[in-house]
Amino acid sequence: MIILDYRDRRPIYEQVISRFQELMLTGALEKDSQLPSVRSLAMELSINPNTIQKAYAELERQGYIYSIKGKGSFVADNGHVKEAGRQEVLQRQVDLAKEACALGVTKEQLWEQIVRIYEENETEREA
């Protein structure tokens, strides 16, 4: 489920957060599904449980998960989070397109890149 890239320069808890966000936003982790316990995930990843606890706390603060005392952490209904993520991606796309224009990248070149990425993504899903 969670695989860390030890070449990634980000702190481990940020990598855990990013991976869980990705799994939730893509639907791999569905609403109300239970996350691994802090201890079990820490053992699985061979990291300190405090690191997992910090990641879970941040995910809860951001609205991705909720906790039930004595039962664990669960995936929240993150429809609003998905929409906020979409808007953020679109804004980054606008910023990148402006930068590309300033550097002389044509809209055809940008379009070719976008199409290629979507085609690769579709191929990966089919496999």
N, C-alpha and C. Protein backbone atom coordinates (compact mmCIF):
# COMPACT_ATOMS: atom_id res chain seq x y z
N MET A 1 0.83 -1.19 0.00
CA MET A 1 0.00 0.00 0.00
C MET A 1 0.87 1.26 0.00
N ILE A 2 1.68 1.42 1.03
CA ILE A 2 2.53 2.60 1.13
C ILE A 2 3.97 2.15 0.87
N ILE A 3 4.58 2.77 -0.13
CA ILE A 3 5.97 2.50 -0.43
C ILE A 3 6.70 3.83 -0.38
N LEU A 4 7.77 3.87 0.39
CA LEU A 4 8.54 5.09 0.52
C LEU A 4 9.71 5.08 -0.43
N ASP A 5 10.05 6.24 -0.92
CA ASP A 5 11.22 6.39 -1.78
C ASP A 5 12.28 7.09 -0.95
N TYR A 6 13.27 6.32 -0.54
CA TYR A 6 14.29 6.87 0.35
C TYR A 6 15.23 7.83 -0.37
N ARG A 7 15.11 7.94 -1.69
CA ARG A 7 15.86 8.96 -2.43
C ARG A 7 15.14 10.29 -2.40
N ASP A 8 13.85 10.27 -2.07
CA ASP A 8 13.05 11.48 -1.95
C ASP A 8 13.59 12.30 -0.79
N ARG A 9 13.83 13.57 -1.03
CA ARG A 9 14.43 14.43 -0.01
C ARG A 9 13.42 14.95 1.01
N ARG A 10 12.13 14.75 0.74
CA ARG A 10 11.12 15.22 1.68
C ARG A 10 11.15 14.38 2.95
N PRO A 11 10.73 14.96 4.07
CA PRO A 11 10.63 14.16 5.30
C PRO A 11 9.69 12.97 5.08
N ILE A 12 9.94 11.90 5.82
CA ILE A 12 9.16 10.67 5.67
C ILE A 12 7.67 10.92 5.89
N TYR A 13 7.32 11.72 6.91
CA TYR A 13 5.89 11.94 7.17
C TYR A 13 5.21 12.62 5.99
N GLU A 14 5.93 13.51 5.28
CA GLU A 14 5.35 14.16 4.10
C GLU A 14 5.14 13.15 2.98
N GLN A 15 6.05 12.20 2.84
CA GLN A 15 5.89 11.16 1.84
C GLN A 15 4.68 10.29 2.16
N VAL A 16 4.49 9.98 3.44
CA VAL A 16 3.33 9.19 3.86
C VAL A 16 2.05 9.95 3.55
N ILE A 17 2.03 11.23 3.87
CA ILE A 17 0.86 12.07 3.59
C ILE A 17 0.56 12.06 2.10
N SER A 18 1.56 12.31 1.28
CA SER A 18 1.37 12.37 -0.17
C SER A 18 0.83 11.06 -0.73
N ARG A 19 1.39 9.96 -0.25
CA ARG A 19 0.95 8.65 -0.76
C ARG A 19 -0.50 8.37 -0.38
N PHE A 20 -0.87 8.66 0.87
CA PHE A 20 -2.26 8.46 1.28
C PHE A 20 -3.20 9.39 0.51
N GLN A 21 -2.80 10.64 0.32
CA GLN A 21 -3.64 11.57 -0.46
C GLN A 21 -3.87 11.02 -1.85
N GLU A 22 -2.81 10.54 -2.48
CA GLU A 22 -2.93 9.97 -3.82
C GLU A 22 -3.89 8.78 -3.84
N LEU A 23 -3.75 7.89 -2.87
CA LEU A 23 -4.62 6.71 -2.80
C LEU A 23 -6.08 7.10 -2.59
N MET A 24 -6.32 8.14 -1.80
CA MET A 24 -7.69 8.58 -1.53
C MET A 24 -8.28 9.30 -2.73
N LEU A 25 -7.51 10.18 -3.34
CA LEU A 25 -8.02 10.97 -4.46
C LEU A 25 -8.26 10.13 -5.71
N THR A 26 -7.51 9.04 -5.86
CA THR A 26 -7.72 8.16 -7.01
C THR A 26 -8.80 7.12 -6.75
N GLY A 27 -9.28 7.05 -5.52
CA GLY A 27 -10.33 6.08 -5.19
C GLY A 27 -9.80 4.73 -4.76
N ALA A 28 -8.49 4.56 -4.68
CA ALA A 28 -7.92 3.29 -4.23
C ALA A 28 -8.28 3.04 -2.76
N LEU A 29 -8.42 4.10 -1.99
CA LEU A 29 -8.93 4.01 -0.62
C LEU A 29 -10.28 4.70 -0.61
N GLU A 30 -11.32 3.94 -0.34
CA GLU A 30 -12.68 4.47 -0.42
C GLU A 30 -13.13 5.08 0.90
N LYS A 31 -14.15 5.91 0.81
CA LYS A 31 -14.75 6.56 1.98
C LYS A 31 -15.06 5.52 3.05
N ASP A 32 -14.72 5.87 4.27
CA ASP A 32 -14.97 5.07 5.47
C ASP A 32 -14.12 3.80 5.57
N SER A 33 -13.18 3.59 4.65
CA SER A 33 -12.28 2.44 4.81
C SER A 33 -11.26 2.77 5.88
N GLN A 34 -10.88 1.75 6.64
CA GLN A 34 -9.97 1.95 7.76
C GLN A 34 -8.52 1.94 7.29
N LEU A 35 -7.75 2.87 7.83
CA LEU A 35 -6.32 2.93 7.56
C LEU A 35 -5.60 1.97 8.50
N PRO A 36 -4.41 1.55 8.13
CA PRO A 36 -3.64 0.70 9.04
C PRO A 36 -3.39 1.45 10.35
N SER A 37 -3.26 0.70 11.44
CA SER A 37 -2.96 1.35 12.71
C SER A 37 -1.59 1.99 12.64
N VAL A 38 -1.37 2.97 13.49
CA VAL A 38 -0.09 3.66 13.53
C VAL A 38 1.04 2.66 13.75
N ARG A 39 0.86 1.78 14.73
CA ARG A 39 1.91 0.79 15.04
C ARG A 39 2.18 -0.16 13.88
N SER A 40 1.11 -0.69 13.28
CA SER A 40 1.33 -1.67 12.20
C SER A 40 1.99 -1.04 10.99
N LEU A 41 1.58 0.18 10.64
CA LEU A 41 2.20 0.84 9.49
C LEU A 41 3.65 1.22 9.79
N ALA A 42 3.90 1.66 11.01
CA ALA A 42 5.28 1.99 11.40
C ALA A 42 6.16 0.75 11.32
N MET A 43 5.64 -0.39 11.77
CA MET A 43 6.42 -1.63 11.70
C MET A 43 6.64 -2.05 10.25
N GLU A 44 5.59 -1.95 9.44
CA GLU A 44 5.68 -2.33 8.03
C GLU A 44 6.73 -1.50 7.30
N LEU A 45 6.79 -0.20 7.62
CA LEU A 45 7.71 0.70 6.94
C LEU A 45 9.05 0.83 7.67
N SER A 46 9.15 0.20 8.82
CA SER A 46 10.37 0.26 9.65
C SER A 46 10.73 1.70 10.00
N ILE A 47 9.71 2.43 10.46
CA ILE A 47 9.95 3.81 10.88
C ILE A 47 9.30 4.04 12.25
N ASN A 48 9.61 5.15 12.85
CA ASN A 48 9.10 5.49 14.16
C ASN A 48 7.58 5.73 14.11
N PRO A 49 6.82 5.17 15.05
CA PRO A 49 5.37 5.41 15.07
C PRO A 49 5.00 6.89 15.15
N ASN A 50 5.86 7.71 15.79
CA ASN A 50 5.57 9.14 15.86
C ASN A 50 5.49 9.78 14.48
N THR A 51 6.25 9.24 13.52
CA THR A 51 6.23 9.74 12.15
C THR A 51 4.87 9.48 11.52
N ILE A 52 4.34 8.28 11.73
CA ILE A 52 3.01 7.94 11.19
C ILE A 52 1.95 8.77 11.89
N GLN A 53 2.07 8.91 13.21
CA GLN A 53 1.10 9.71 13.97
C GLN A 53 1.07 11.15 13.46
N LYS A 54 2.23 11.71 13.16
CA LYS A 54 2.31 13.07 12.64
C LYS A 54 1.62 13.16 11.27
N ALA A 55 1.85 12.16 10.43
CA ALA A 55 1.22 12.14 9.10
C ALA A 55 -0.30 12.03 9.23
N TYR A 56 -0.77 11.13 10.10
CA TYR A 56 -2.20 10.96 10.29
C TYR A 56 -2.83 12.25 10.83
N ALA A 57 -2.14 12.91 11.76
CA ALA A 57 -2.67 14.16 12.32
C ALA A 57 -2.83 15.21 11.23
N GLU A 58 -1.85 15.29 10.35
CA GLU A 58 -1.93 16.28 9.25
C GLU A 58 -3.04 15.91 8.26
N LEU A 59 -3.17 14.62 7.95
CA LEU A 59 -4.24 14.18 7.05
C LEU A 59 -5.61 14.51 7.66
N GLU A 60 -5.73 14.34 8.96
CA GLU A 60 -6.99 14.66 9.62
C GLU A 60 -7.25 16.17 9.60
N ARG A 61 -6.19 16.96 9.85
CA ARG A 61 -6.32 18.42 9.82
C ARG A 61 -6.78 18.89 8.43
N GLN A 62 -6.29 18.22 7.38
CA GLN A 62 -6.63 18.60 6.01
C GLN A 62 -7.99 18.04 5.57
N GLY A 63 -8.61 17.21 6.38
CA GLY A 63 -9.94 16.68 6.05
C GLY A 63 -9.93 15.39 5.24
N TYR A 64 -8.78 14.75 5.11
CA TYR A 64 -8.71 13.51 4.36
C TYR A 64 -9.17 12.31 5.18
N ILE A 65 -8.94 12.35 6.49
CA ILE A 65 -9.30 11.23 7.35
C ILE A 65 -10.00 11.74 8.60
N TYR A 66 -10.62 10.82 9.31
CA TYR A 66 -11.20 11.12 10.62
C TYR A 66 -10.84 9.97 11.55
N SER A 67 -10.82 10.25 12.83
CA SER A 67 -10.46 9.24 13.82
C SER A 67 -11.65 8.94 14.72
N ILE A 68 -11.74 7.68 15.13
CA ILE A 68 -12.71 7.26 16.13
C ILE A 68 -11.90 6.66 17.27
N LYS A 69 -12.02 7.26 18.44
CA LYS A 69 -11.23 6.82 19.58
C LYS A 69 -11.45 5.33 19.85
N GLY A 70 -10.37 4.61 19.93
CA GLY A 70 -10.42 3.18 20.21
C GLY A 70 -10.66 2.31 18.99
N LYS A 71 -10.94 2.93 17.85
CA LYS A 71 -11.21 2.15 16.63
C LYS A 71 -10.19 2.39 15.54
N GLY A 72 -9.68 3.63 15.44
CA GLY A 72 -8.66 3.91 14.43
C GLY A 72 -9.00 5.10 13.56
N SER A 73 -8.31 5.16 12.44
CA SER A 73 -8.47 6.26 11.48
C SER A 73 -9.13 5.74 10.21
N PHE A 74 -9.99 6.56 9.63
CA PHE A 74 -10.79 6.17 8.48
C PHE A 74 -10.76 7.25 7.42
N VAL A 75 -10.99 6.85 6.17
CA VAL A 75 -11.02 7.79 5.05
C VAL A 75 -12.30 8.62 5.13
N ALA A 76 -12.14 9.92 5.07
CA ALA A 76 -13.28 10.84 5.12
C ALA A 76 -13.93 10.95 3.73
N ASP A 77 -15.15 11.48 3.72
CA ASP A 77 -15.79 11.82 2.46
C ASP A 77 -15.05 13.04 1.94
N ASN A 78 -14.20 12.82 0.94
CA ASN A 78 -13.30 13.89 0.53
C ASN A 78 -13.67 14.51 -0.82
N GLY A 79 -14.95 14.56 -1.11
CA GLY A 79 -15.39 15.19 -2.35
C GLY A 79 -14.94 16.64 -2.44
N HIS A 80 -15.05 17.37 -1.32
CA HIS A 80 -14.61 18.77 -1.30
C HIS A 80 -13.10 18.87 -1.44
N VAL A 81 -12.39 17.89 -0.90
CA VAL A 81 -10.93 17.89 -1.01
C VAL A 81 -10.53 17.63 -2.46
N LYS A 82 -11.24 16.71 -3.12
CA LYS A 82 -10.96 16.44 -4.53
C LYS A 82 -11.17 17.68 -5.38
N GLU A 83 -12.26 18.38 -5.13
CA GLU A 83 -12.55 19.58 -5.92
C GLU A 83 -11.50 20.65 -5.67
N ALA A 84 -11.09 20.82 -4.43
CA ALA A 84 -10.03 21.79 -4.13
C ALA A 84 -8.73 21.40 -4.83
N GLY A 85 -8.44 20.10 -4.86
CA GLY A 85 -7.26 19.60 -5.56
C GLY A 85 -7.32 19.88 -7.04
N ARG A 86 -8.49 19.67 -7.63
CA ARG A 86 -8.66 19.94 -9.07
C ARG A 86 -8.41 21.42 -9.37
N GLN A 87 -8.97 22.28 -8.54
CA GLN A 87 -8.79 23.71 -8.74
C GLN A 87 -7.32 24.11 -8.60
N GLU A 88 -6.63 23.50 -7.66
CA GLU A 88 -5.21 23.78 -7.48
C GLU A 88 -4.41 23.34 -8.70
N VAL A 89 -4.72 22.17 -9.23
CA VAL A 89 -4.03 21.66 -10.42
C VAL A 89 -4.27 22.59 -11.60
N LEU A 90 -5.51 23.02 -11.78
CA LEU A 90 -5.82 23.91 -12.90
C LEU A 90 -5.10 25.24 -12.77
N GLN A 91 -4.99 25.74 -11.55
CA GLN A 91 -4.26 27.00 -11.36
C GLN A 91 -2.78 26.82 -11.66
N ARG A 92 -2.21 25.70 -11.24
CA ARG A 92 -0.79 25.44 -11.55
C ARG A 92 -0.60 25.32 -13.05
N GLN A 93 -1.60 24.74 -13.73
CA GLN A 93 -1.52 24.60 -15.18
C GLN A 93 -1.51 25.99 -15.84
N VAL A 94 -2.34 26.89 -15.35
CA VAL A 94 -2.37 28.26 -15.88
C VAL A 94 -1.01 28.91 -15.68
N ASP A 95 -0.45 28.77 -14.48
CA ASP A 95 0.86 29.37 -14.19
C ASP A 95 1.94 28.80 -15.10
N LEU A 96 1.93 27.48 -15.29
CA LEU A 96 2.92 26.84 -16.16
C LEU A 96 2.74 27.27 -17.62
N ALA A 97 1.50 27.40 -18.06
CA ALA A 97 1.25 27.83 -19.44
C ALA A 97 1.77 29.25 -19.67
N LYS A 98 1.58 30.12 -18.68
CA LYS A 98 2.09 31.49 -18.79
C LYS A 98 3.62 31.47 -18.87
N GLU A 99 4.24 30.65 -18.05
CA GLU A 99 5.69 30.54 -18.06
C GLU A 99 6.17 29.97 -19.40
N ALA A 100 5.46 28.96 -19.91
CA ALA A 100 5.81 28.37 -21.19
C ALA A 100 5.72 29.41 -22.31
N CYS A 101 4.67 30.21 -22.31
CA CYS A 101 4.53 31.27 -23.32
C CYS A 101 5.70 32.22 -23.26
N ALA A 102 6.09 32.61 -22.06
CA ALA A 102 7.20 33.55 -21.89
C ALA A 102 8.52 32.96 -22.40
N LEU A 103 8.62 31.63 -22.37
CA LEU A 103 9.84 30.96 -22.82
C LEU A 103 9.78 30.54 -24.29
N GLY A 104 8.65 30.84 -24.94
CA GLY A 104 8.52 30.53 -26.36
C GLY A 104 8.04 29.13 -26.68
N VAL A 105 7.50 28.43 -25.69
CA VAL A 105 6.93 27.11 -25.94
C VAL A 105 5.59 27.31 -26.63
N THR A 106 5.35 26.59 -27.71
CA THR A 106 4.09 26.76 -28.45
C THR A 106 2.96 25.98 -27.78
N LYS A 107 1.73 26.39 -28.10
CA LYS A 107 0.59 25.67 -27.55
C LYS A 107 0.53 24.25 -28.09
N GLU A 108 1.03 24.05 -29.31
CA GLU A 108 1.07 22.71 -29.87
C GLU A 108 2.01 21.81 -29.07
N GLN A 109 3.16 22.36 -28.67
CA GLN A 109 4.11 21.59 -27.86
C GLN A 109 3.49 21.23 -26.50
N LEU A 110 2.81 22.18 -25.89
CA LEU A 110 2.15 21.91 -24.61
C LEU A 110 1.07 20.85 -24.78
N TRP A 111 0.28 21.00 -25.83
CA TRP A 111 -0.81 20.07 -26.07
C TRP A 111 -0.28 18.65 -26.29
N GLU A 112 0.80 18.52 -27.07
CA GLU A 112 1.39 17.20 -27.31
C GLU A 112 1.83 16.55 -26.00
N GLN A 113 2.40 17.33 -25.12
CA GLN A 113 2.83 16.79 -23.83
C GLN A 113 1.63 16.31 -23.00
N ILE A 114 0.60 17.11 -22.96
CA ILE A 114 -0.59 16.76 -22.19
C ILE A 114 -1.23 15.49 -22.74
N VAL A 115 -1.37 15.42 -24.05
CA VAL A 115 -1.97 14.23 -24.68
C VAL A 115 -1.14 12.99 -24.37
N ARG A 116 0.18 13.12 -24.48
CA ARG A 116 1.07 11.99 -24.22
C ARG A 116 0.92 11.49 -22.78
N ILE A 117 0.85 12.41 -21.84
CA ILE A 117 0.70 12.02 -20.43
C ILE A 117 -0.61 11.29 -20.20
N TYR A 118 -1.70 11.81 -20.77
CA TYR A 118 -2.99 11.15 -20.59
C TYR A 118 -3.01 9.78 -21.26
N GLU A 119 -2.40 9.66 -22.42
CA GLU A 119 -2.33 8.36 -23.09
C GLU A 119 -1.52 7.35 -22.28
N GLU A 120 -0.41 7.78 -21.71
CA GLU A 120 0.41 6.90 -20.87
C GLU A 120 -0.39 6.47 -19.65
N ASN A 121 -1.13 7.39 -19.07
CA ASN A 121 -1.93 7.08 -17.89
C ASN A 121 -3.01 6.06 -18.22
N GLU A 122 -3.66 6.20 -19.37
CA GLU A 122 -4.68 5.24 -19.79
C GLU A 122 -4.08 3.87 -20.02
N THR A 123 -2.90 3.83 -20.62
CA THR A 123 -2.20 2.57 -20.88
C THR A 123 -1.88 1.87 -19.56
N GLU A 124 -1.41 2.63 -18.57
CA GLU A 124 -1.07 2.06 -17.27
C GLU A 124 -2.32 1.50 -16.58
N ARG A 125 -3.45 2.17 -16.70
CA ARG A 125 -4.68 1.69 -16.08
C ARG A 125 -5.17 0.40 -16.73
N GLU A 126 -4.96 0.27 -18.04
CA GLU A 126 -5.40 -0.92 -18.75
C GLU A 126 -4.53 -2.13 -18.41
N ALA A 127 -3.30 -1.88 -18.06
CA ALA A 127 -2.36 -2.99 -17.78
C ALA A 127 -2.63 -3.66 -16.45
